């Protein structure tokens, strides 16, 4: 479990009641973005509170009435996922700064100046992002923001990413929750539903994203996804 000194409050108001848990700020944000986090790394305790500052615990009857279960792990995950993580301004700014640096690093490694075919230095990309007032979203995966930010800075510095198409087949049992995730990776070219309930999609993504997308889909489907990479001519 994390220390109480490091923990912040995750709060969910539901059916007129308030529920709070004490969480690691960074891990909670990562969990809200879909990353699997061990409970010991995610929370300071398995207690569910009505008011954590006063140490007032929520009753089991109330928890069961609102959530339909008294399983603390299930309830805590719902609170973090659906509620609000109370980050301080300094915590939020620091996490946004680190995410912005990660985005800059990825663009510098994957993109090139089409006029010289050489990569842009990170400081040039950072200046272009600042000039374009490109917004970095804390609770959105880094990879999901790359394409938008590249479009926003392209009028300032010429930049090109090699693109590939990815044909995807998701089994029926994972299809419903996969569609929006697949769309978040890049440009959707086509999407069809098979007679067996499977999802057939084709998206265009930056070539450097291939492994990240493959890993995410394998994790989502427990390795049951079918993938084919089609390089652009």
C-alpha atoms as a PDB file:
ATOM      1  CA  UNK A   1       0.000   0.000   0.000  1.00  0.00           C
ATOM      2  CA  UNK A   2       1.127   3.568  -0.632  1.00  0.00           C
ATOM      3  CA  UNK A   3       1.752   6.000   2.227  1.00  0.00           C
ATOM      4  CA  UNK A   4      -1.031   8.238   3.514  1.00  0.00           C
ATOM      5  CA  UNK A   5       1.260  11.240   3.033  1.00  0.00           C
ATOM      6  CA  UNK A   6       1.382  10.646  -0.705  1.00  0.00           C
ATOM      7  CA  UNK A   7      -2.295   9.758  -1.127  1.00  0.00           C
ATOM      8  CA  UNK A   8      -5.009  12.017  -2.520  1.00  0.00           C
ATOM      9  CA  UNK A   9      -8.786  11.607  -2.468  1.00  0.00           C
ATOM     10  CA  UNK A  10     -10.752   9.936  -5.242  1.00  0.00           C
ATOM     11  CA  UNK A  11     -14.397  10.923  -4.804  1.00  0.00           C
ATOM     12  CA  UNK A  12     -17.612   9.675  -6.407  1.00  0.00           C
ATOM     13  CA  UNK A  13     -21.084  11.087  -5.809  1.00  0.00           C
ATOM     14  CA  UNK A  14     -23.711   8.498  -6.675  1.00  0.00           C
ATOM     15  CA  UNK A  15     -27.455   8.322  -5.930  1.00  0.00           C
ATOM     16  CA  UNK A  16     -27.138  11.272  -3.590  1.00  0.00           C
ATOM     17  CA  UNK A  17     -24.342   9.674  -1.552  1.00  0.00           C
ATOM     18  CA  UNK A  18     -20.615  10.460  -1.453  1.00  0.00           C
ATOM     19  CA  UNK A  19     -17.861   7.826  -1.447  1.00  0.00           C
ATOM     20  CA  UNK A  20     -14.134   8.432  -1.075  1.00  0.00           C
ATOM     21  CA  UNK A  21     -10.939   6.354  -1.221  1.00  0.00           C
ATOM     22  CA  UNK A  22      -7.297   7.354  -0.735  1.00  0.00           C
ATOM     23  CA  UNK A  23      -5.210   6.770  -3.850  1.00  0.00           C
ATOM     24  CA  UNK A  24      -1.812   7.326  -5.415  1.00  0.00           C
ATOM     25  CA  UNK A  25      -2.344  10.348  -7.700  1.00  0.00           C
ATOM     26  CA  UNK A  26      -0.236   9.159 -10.642  1.00  0.00           C
ATOM     27  CA  UNK A  27      -1.378   5.531 -10.512  1.00  0.00           C
ATOM     28  CA  UNK A  28      -5.017   6.608 -10.229  1.00  0.00           C
ATOM     29  CA  UNK A  29      -4.729   8.706 -13.393  1.00  0.00           C
ATOM     30  CA  UNK A  30      -3.060   5.802 -15.205  1.00  0.00           C
ATOM     31  CA  UNK A  31      -5.835   3.464 -14.008  1.00  0.00           C
ATOM     32  CA  UNK A  32      -8.489   5.875 -15.319  1.00  0.00           C
ATOM     33  CA  UNK A  33      -6.765   5.714 -18.720  1.00  0.00           C
ATOM     34  CA  UNK A  34      -7.183   1.939 -18.797  1.00  0.00           C
ATOM     35  CA  UNK A  35      -3.891   0.665 -17.400  1.00  0.00           C
ATOM     36  CA  UNK A  36      -4.062  -2.305 -15.035  1.00  0.00           C
ATOM     37  CA  UNK A  37      -2.581  -1.287 -11.663  1.00  0.00           C
ATOM     38  CA  UNK A  38      -2.124  -3.625  -8.651  1.00  0.00           C
ATOM     39  CA  UNK A  39      -4.290  -2.510  -5.737  1.00  0.00           C
ATOM     40  CA  UNK A  40      -1.249  -2.237  -3.441  1.00  0.00           C
ATOM     41  CA  UNK A  41       0.185   0.395  -5.809  1.00  0.00           C
ATOM     42  CA  UNK A  42      -3.145   2.126  -6.341  1.00  0.00           C
ATOM     43  CA  UNK A  43      -4.561   2.779  -2.870  1.00  0.00           C
ATOM     44  CA  UNK A  44      -3.405   3.674   0.646  1.00  0.00           C
ATOM     45  CA  UNK A  45      -6.019   1.366   2.173  1.00  0.00           C
ATOM     46  CA  UNK A  46      -9.016  -0.736   1.175  1.00  0.00           C
ATOM     47  CA  UNK A  47     -11.307   1.472   3.262  1.00  0.00           C
ATOM     48  CA  UNK A  48     -14.244   3.241   1.622  1.00  0.00           C
ATOM     49  CA  UNK A  49     -15.234   6.494   3.303  1.00  0.00           C
ATOM     50  CA  UNK A  50     -18.143   8.885   3.387  1.00  0.00           C
ATOM     51  CA  UNK A  51     -15.655  11.524   4.545  1.00  0.00           C
ATOM     52  CA  UNK A  52     -12.008  10.468   4.511  1.00  0.00           C
ATOM     53  CA  UNK A  53     -10.756  13.624   6.272  1.00  0.00           C
ATOM     54  CA  UNK A  54     -12.982  12.856   9.265  1.00  0.00           C
ATOM     55  CA  UNK A  55     -12.259   9.117   9.031  1.00  0.00           C
ATOM     56  CA  UNK A  56     -15.964   8.395   8.589  1.00  0.00           C
ATOM     57  CA  UNK A  57     -16.367   5.060   6.808  1.00  0.00           C
ATOM     58  CA  UNK A  58     -19.264   4.276   4.482  1.00  0.00           C
ATOM     59  CA  UNK A  59     -21.533   1.554   5.841  1.00  0.00           C
ATOM     60  CA  UNK A  60     -21.627  -1.852   4.174  1.00  0.00           C
ATOM     61  CA  UNK A  61     -25.396  -1.502   3.770  1.00  0.00           C
ATOM     62  CA  UNK A  62     -25.042   1.772   1.898  1.00  0.00           C
ATOM     63  CA  UNK A  63     -22.199   0.466  -0.273  1.00  0.00           C
ATOM     64  CA  UNK A  64     -24.173  -2.641  -1.204  1.00  0.00           C
ATOM     65  CA  UNK A  65     -27.304  -0.595  -1.897  1.00  0.00           C
ATOM     66  CA  UNK A  66     -25.504   1.781  -4.283  1.00  0.00           C
ATOM     67  CA  UNK A  67     -22.966  -0.519  -5.934  1.00  0.00           C
ATOM     68  CA  UNK A  68     -24.725  -3.886  -5.690  1.00  0.00           C
ATOM     69  CA  UNK A  69     -21.702  -5.452  -4.002  1.00  0.00           C
ATOM     70  CA  UNK A  70     -19.600  -5.184  -0.844  1.00  0.00           C
ATOM     71  CA  UNK A  71     -16.427  -6.351  -2.598  1.00  0.00           C
ATOM     72  CA  UNK A  72     -14.063  -3.459  -1.699  1.00  0.00           C
ATOM     73  CA  UNK A  73     -11.802  -3.948  -4.724  1.00  0.00           C
ATOM     74  CA  UNK A  74     -14.715  -3.755  -7.184  1.00  0.00           C
ATOM     75  CA  UNK A  75     -16.203  -0.720  -5.434  1.00  0.00           C
ATOM     76  CA  UNK A  76     -12.867   1.100  -5.183  1.00  0.00           C
ATOM     77  CA  UNK A  77     -12.225   0.606  -8.893  1.00  0.00           C
ATOM     78  CA  UNK A  78     -15.656   2.050  -9.713  1.00  0.00           C
ATOM     79  CA  UNK A  79     -15.018   5.070  -7.474  1.00  0.00           C
ATOM     80  CA  UNK A  80     -11.670   5.793  -9.125  1.00  0.00           C
ATOM     81  CA  UNK A  81     -12.897   5.130 -12.668  1.00  0.00           C
ATOM     82  CA  UNK A  82     -16.168   7.044 -12.494  1.00  0.00           C
ATOM     83  CA  UNK A  83     -15.311   9.652  -9.896  1.00  0.00           C
ATOM     84  CA  UNK A  84     -12.824  12.497  -9.652  1.00  0.00           C
ATOM     85  CA  UNK A  85      -9.223  12.332  -8.454  1.00  0.00           C
ATOM     86  CA  UNK A  86      -8.475  15.384  -6.286  1.00  0.00           C
ATOM     87  CA  UNK A  87      -5.044  16.392  -7.618  1.00  0.00           C
ATOM     88  CA  UNK A  88      -3.320  19.480  -6.291  1.00  0.00           C
ATOM     89  CA  UNK A  89      -2.372  22.165  -8.811  1.00  0.00           C
ATOM     90  CA  UNK A  90       1.312  21.281  -8.402  1.00  0.00           C
ATOM     91  CA  UNK A  91       0.642  17.568  -8.932  1.00  0.00           C
ATOM     92  CA  UNK A  92      -1.430  18.217 -12.039  1.00  0.00           C
ATOM     93  CA  UNK A  93       1.138  20.629 -13.492  1.00  0.00           C
ATOM     94  CA  UNK A  94       4.005  18.222 -12.837  1.00  0.00           C
ATOM     95  CA  UNK A  95       2.153  15.301 -14.435  1.00  0.00           C
ATOM     96  CA  UNK A  96       1.162  17.424 -17.440  1.00  0.00           C
ATOM     97  CA  UNK A  97       4.780  18.548 -17.838  1.00  0.00           C
ATOM     98  CA  UNK A  98       6.013  14.936 -17.851  1.00  0.00           C
ATOM     99  CA  UNK A  99       3.339  13.919 -20.375  1.00  0.00           C
ATOM    100  CA  UNK A 100       4.236  16.851 -22.616  1.00  0.00           C
ATOM    101  CA  UNK A 101       7.917  15.833 -22.539  1.00  0.00           C
ATOM    102  CA  UNK A 102       6.918  12.264 -23.464  1.00  0.00           C
ATOM    103  CA  UNK A 103       4.876  13.530 -26.418  1.00  0.00           C
ATOM    104  CA  UNK A 104       7.754  15.722 -27.588  1.00  0.00           C
ATOM    105  CA  UNK A 105      10.146  12.761 -27.370  1.00  0.00           C
ATOM    106  CA  UNK A 106       7.856  10.519 -29.432  1.00  0.00           C
ATOM    107  CA  UNK A 107       7.322  13.138 -32.144  1.00  0.00           C
ATOM    108  CA  UNK A 108      11.057  13.815 -32.322  1.00  0.00           C
ATOM    109  CA  UNK A 109      11.835  10.100 -32.721  1.00  0.00           C
ATOM    110  CA  UNK A 110       9.071   9.234 -35.203  1.00  0.00           C
ATOM    111  CA  UNK A 111       8.616  12.376 -37.252  1.00  0.00           C
ATOM    112  CA  UNK A 112      10.913  13.982 -39.794  1.00  0.00           C
ATOM    113  CA  UNK A 113      11.150  17.294 -41.579  1.00  0.00           C
ATOM    114  CA  UNK A 114      10.006  16.387 -45.137  1.00  0.00           C
ATOM    115  CA  UNK A 115      12.264  19.129 -46.521  1.00  0.00           C
ATOM    116  CA  UNK A 116      15.440  17.579 -45.081  1.00  0.00           C
ATOM    117  CA  UNK A 117      14.241  14.081 -44.103  1.00  0.00           C
ATOM    118  CA  UNK A 118      15.870  14.672 -40.709  1.00  0.00           C
ATOM    119  CA  UNK A 119      14.164  14.608 -37.287  1.00  0.00           C
ATOM    120  CA  UNK A 120      13.250  17.834 -35.521  1.00  0.00           C
ATOM    121  CA  UNK A 121      15.134  18.438 -32.240  1.00  0.00           C
ATOM    122  CA  UNK A 122      12.915  18.136 -29.129  1.00  0.00           C
ATOM    123  CA  UNK A 123      13.326  21.819 -28.203  1.00  0.00           C
ATOM    124  CA  UNK A 124      12.022  22.872 -31.633  1.00  0.00           C
ATOM    125  CA  UNK A 125       8.963  20.646 -31.195  1.00  0.00           C
ATOM    126  CA  UNK A 126       8.387  22.018 -27.691  1.00  0.00           C
ATOM    127  CA  UNK A 127       8.515  25.604 -28.986  1.00  0.00           C
ATOM    128  CA  UNK A 128       6.083  24.726 -31.782  1.00  0.00           C
ATOM    129  CA  UNK A 129       3.652  23.143 -29.303  1.00  0.00           C
ATOM    130  CA  UNK A 130       3.812  26.254 -27.125  1.00  0.00           C
ATOM    131  CA  UNK A 131       3.291  28.550 -30.130  1.00  0.00           C
ATOM    132  CA  UNK A 132       0.360  26.446 -31.382  1.00  0.00           C
ATOM    133  CA  UNK A 133      -1.084  26.359 -27.854  1.00  0.00           C
ATOM    134  CA  UNK A 134      -1.424  22.598 -28.259  1.00  0.00           C
ATOM    135  CA  UNK A 135      -3.324  21.157 -25.309  1.00  0.00           C
ATOM    136  CA  UNK A 136      -1.960  18.068 -23.553  1.00  0.00           C
ATOM    137  CA  UNK A 137      -4.737  16.088 -21.861  1.00  0.00           C
ATOM    138  CA  UNK A 138      -3.720  14.443 -18.606  1.00  0.00           C
ATOM    139  CA  UNK A 139      -6.312  11.649 -18.602  1.00  0.00           C
ATOM    140  CA  UNK A 140      -5.765  10.587 -22.198  1.00  0.00           C
ATOM    141  CA  UNK A 141      -3.024   8.166 -23.260  1.00  0.00           C
ATOM    142  CA  UNK A 142       0.069   9.770 -24.759  1.00  0.00           C
ATOM    143  CA  UNK A 143      -0.281   7.794 -28.006  1.00  0.00           C
ATOM    144  CA  UNK A 144      -3.855   8.970 -28.497  1.00  0.00           C
ATOM    145  CA  UNK A 145      -2.724  12.606 -28.575  1.00  0.00           C
ATOM    146  CA  UNK A 146       0.202  12.375 -30.996  1.00  0.00           C
ATOM    147  CA  UNK A 147      -1.713  12.631 -34.276  1.00  0.00           C
ATOM    148  CA  UNK A 148      -3.776  15.628 -33.144  1.00  0.00           C
ATOM    149  CA  UNK A 149      -0.753  17.503 -31.827  1.00  0.00           C
ATOM    150  CA  UNK A 150       1.258  16.836 -34.994  1.00  0.00           C
ATOM    151  CA  UNK A 151      -1.589  18.374 -37.039  1.00  0.00           C
ATOM    152  CA  UNK A 152      -1.623  21.400 -34.750  1.00  0.00           C
ATOM    153  CA  UNK A 153       2.115  22.083 -35.015  1.00  0.00           C
ATOM    154  CA  UNK A 154       2.478  21.248 -38.734  1.00  0.00           C
ATOM    155  CA  UNK A 155       1.711  24.847 -39.843  1.00  0.00           C
ATOM    156  CA  UNK A 156       4.619  25.977 -37.672  1.00  0.00           C
ATOM    157  CA  UNK A 157       7.196  23.275 -38.444  1.00  0.00           C
ATOM    158  CA  UNK A 158       6.861  20.879 -41.401  1.00  0.00           C
ATOM    159  CA  UNK A 159       6.642  17.337 -40.089  1.00  0.00           C
ATOM    160  CA  UNK A 160       5.815  13.959 -41.588  1.00  0.00           C
ATOM    161  CA  UNK A 161       5.072  10.552 -40.054  1.00  0.00           C
ATOM    162  CA  UNK A 162       5.283   7.331 -42.033  1.00  0.00           C
ATOM    163  CA  UNK A 163       1.837   5.717 -42.021  1.00  0.00           C
ATOM    164  CA  UNK A 164       0.746   2.086 -42.102  1.00  0.00           C
ATOM    165  CA  UNK A 165      -2.670   0.454 -42.244  1.00  0.00           C
ATOM    166  CA  UNK A 166      -3.620  -2.121 -39.644  1.00  0.00           C
ATOM    167  CA  UNK A 167      -6.332  -4.704 -40.349  1.00  0.00           C
ATOM    168  CA  UNK A 168      -7.882  -5.957 -37.103  1.00  0.00           C
ATOM    169  CA  UNK A 169     -10.274  -8.758 -36.218  1.00  0.00           C
ATOM    170  CA  UNK A 170     -11.640  -8.781 -32.675  1.00  0.00           C
ATOM    171  CA  UNK A 171     -13.538 -11.849 -31.372  1.00  0.00           C
ATOM    172  CA  UNK A 172     -17.204 -11.313 -30.505  1.00  0.00           C
ATOM    173  CA  UNK A 173     -16.714 -11.441 -26.723  1.00  0.00           C
ATOM    174  CA  UNK A 174     -14.372  -8.419 -26.841  1.00  0.00           C
ATOM    175  CA  UNK A 175     -15.895  -6.557 -29.795  1.00  0.00           C
ATOM    176  CA  UNK A 176     -18.306  -4.219 -28.005  1.00  0.00           C
ATOM    177  CA  UNK A 177     -15.671  -2.592 -25.799  1.00  0.00           C
ATOM    178  CA  UNK A 178     -13.015  -2.568 -28.545  1.00  0.00           C
ATOM    179  CA  UNK A 179     -14.606  -0.273 -31.136  1.00  0.00           C
ATOM    180  CA  UNK A 180     -13.997   3.049 -29.362  1.00  0.00           C
ATOM    181  CA  UNK A 181     -10.501   1.981 -28.314  1.00  0.00           C
ATOM    182  CA  UNK A 182      -9.556   1.082 -31.894  1.00  0.00           C
ATOM    183  CA  UNK A 183     -10.873   4.433 -33.121  1.00  0.00           C
ATOM    184  CA  UNK A 184      -8.672   6.245 -30.611  1.00  0.00           C
ATOM    185  CA  UNK A 185      -5.466   4.857 -32.151  1.00  0.00           C
ATOM    186  CA  UNK A 186      -5.724   6.609 -35.507  1.00  0.00           C
ATOM    187  CA  UNK A 187      -7.897   7.240 -38.555  1.00  0.00           C
ATOM    188  CA  UNK A 188     -10.666   4.670 -39.023  1.00  0.00           C
ATOM    189  CA  UNK A 189     -10.804   3.470 -42.630  1.00  0.00           C
ATOM    190  CA  UNK A 190     -13.561   0.899 -42.275  1.00  0.00           C
ATOM    191  CA  UNK A 191     -15.478  -1.009 -39.650  1.00  0.00           C
ATOM    192  CA  UNK A 192     -17.711  -4.059 -40.146  1.00  0.00           C
ATOM    193  CA  UNK A 193     -19.449  -6.499 -37.848  1.00  0.00           C
ATOM    194  CA  UNK A 194     -19.167 -10.180 -38.738  1.00  0.00           C
ATOM    195  CA  UNK A 195     -22.108 -12.567 -38.672  1.00  0.00           C
ATOM    196  CA  UNK A 196     -20.539 -14.202 -35.606  1.00  0.00           C
ATOM    197  CA  UNK A 197     -20.418 -10.862 -33.744  1.00  0.00           C
ATOM    198  CA  UNK A 198     -16.731 -10.267 -34.387  1.00  0.00           C
ATOM    199  CA  UNK A 199     -15.460  -6.784 -35.229  1.00  0.00           C
ATOM    200  CA  UNK A 200     -13.484  -6.211 -38.421  1.00  0.00           C
ATOM    201  CA  UNK A 201     -11.679  -2.874 -38.613  1.00  0.00           C
ATOM    202  CA  UNK A 202      -8.972  -1.149 -40.589  1.00  0.00           C
ATOM    203  CA  UNK A 203      -7.196   1.915 -39.244  1.00  0.00           C
ATOM    204  CA  UNK A 204      -4.299   4.044 -40.397  1.00  0.00           C
ATOM    205  CA  UNK A 205      -1.682   4.788 -37.757  1.00  0.00           C
ATOM    206  CA  UNK A 206       1.810   6.216 -37.512  1.00  0.00           C
ATOM    207  CA  UNK A 207       4.326   3.465 -38.212  1.00  0.00           C
ATOM    208  CA  UNK A 208       6.023   4.043 -34.868  1.00  0.00           C
ATOM    209  CA  UNK A 209       2.792   3.207 -33.014  1.00  0.00           C
ATOM    210  CA  UNK A 210       2.570  -0.359 -34.336  1.00  0.00           C
ATOM    211  CA  UNK A 211       3.922  -2.195 -31.308  1.00  0.00           C
ATOM    212  CA  UNK A 212       2.007  -0.075 -28.818  1.00  0.00           C
ATOM    213  CA  UNK A 213      -1.282  -0.749 -30.635  1.00  0.00           C
ATOM    214  CA  UNK A 214      -0.533  -4.460 -30.975  1.00  0.00           C
ATOM    215  CA  UNK A 215       0.338  -4.752 -27.262  1.00  0.00           C
ATOM    216  CA  UNK A 216      -2.840  -2.900 -26.222  1.00  0.00           C
ATOM    217  CA  UNK A 217      -5.104  -5.068 -28.386  1.00  0.00           C
ATOM    218  CA  UNK A 218      -3.410  -8.274 -27.244  1.00  0.00           C
ATOM    219  CA  UNK A 219      -3.942  -7.201 -23.640  1.00  0.00           C
ATOM    220  CA  UNK A 220      -7.568  -6.293 -24.310  1.00  0.00           C
ATOM    221  CA  UNK A 221      -8.383  -9.625 -25.990  1.00  0.00           C
ATOM    222  CA  UNK A 222      -6.007 -11.851 -24.003  1.00  0.00           C
ATOM    223  CA  UNK A 223      -4.049 -12.522 -27.186  1.00  0.00           C
ATOM    224  CA  UNK A 224      -7.067 -13.473 -29.298  1.00  0.00           C
ATOM    225  CA  UNK A 225      -6.888 -10.542 -31.724  1.00  0.00           C
ATOM    226  CA  UNK A 226      -5.956 -11.106 -35.403  1.00  0.00           C
ATOM    227  CA  UNK A 227      -3.747  -8.392 -36.922  1.00  0.00           C
ATOM    228  CA  UNK A 228      -2.244  -7.672 -40.310  1.00  0.00           C
ATOM    229  CA  UNK A 229       0.043  -4.733 -41.020  1.00  0.00           C
ATOM    230  CA  UNK A 230      -0.301  -3.208 -44.492  1.00  0.00           C
ATOM    231  CA  UNK A 231       2.418  -0.749 -45.422  1.00  0.00           C
ATOM    232  CA  UNK A 232       1.424   2.171 -47.622  1.00  0.00           C
ATOM    233  CA  UNK A 233       2.873   2.182 -51.084  1.00  0.00           C
END
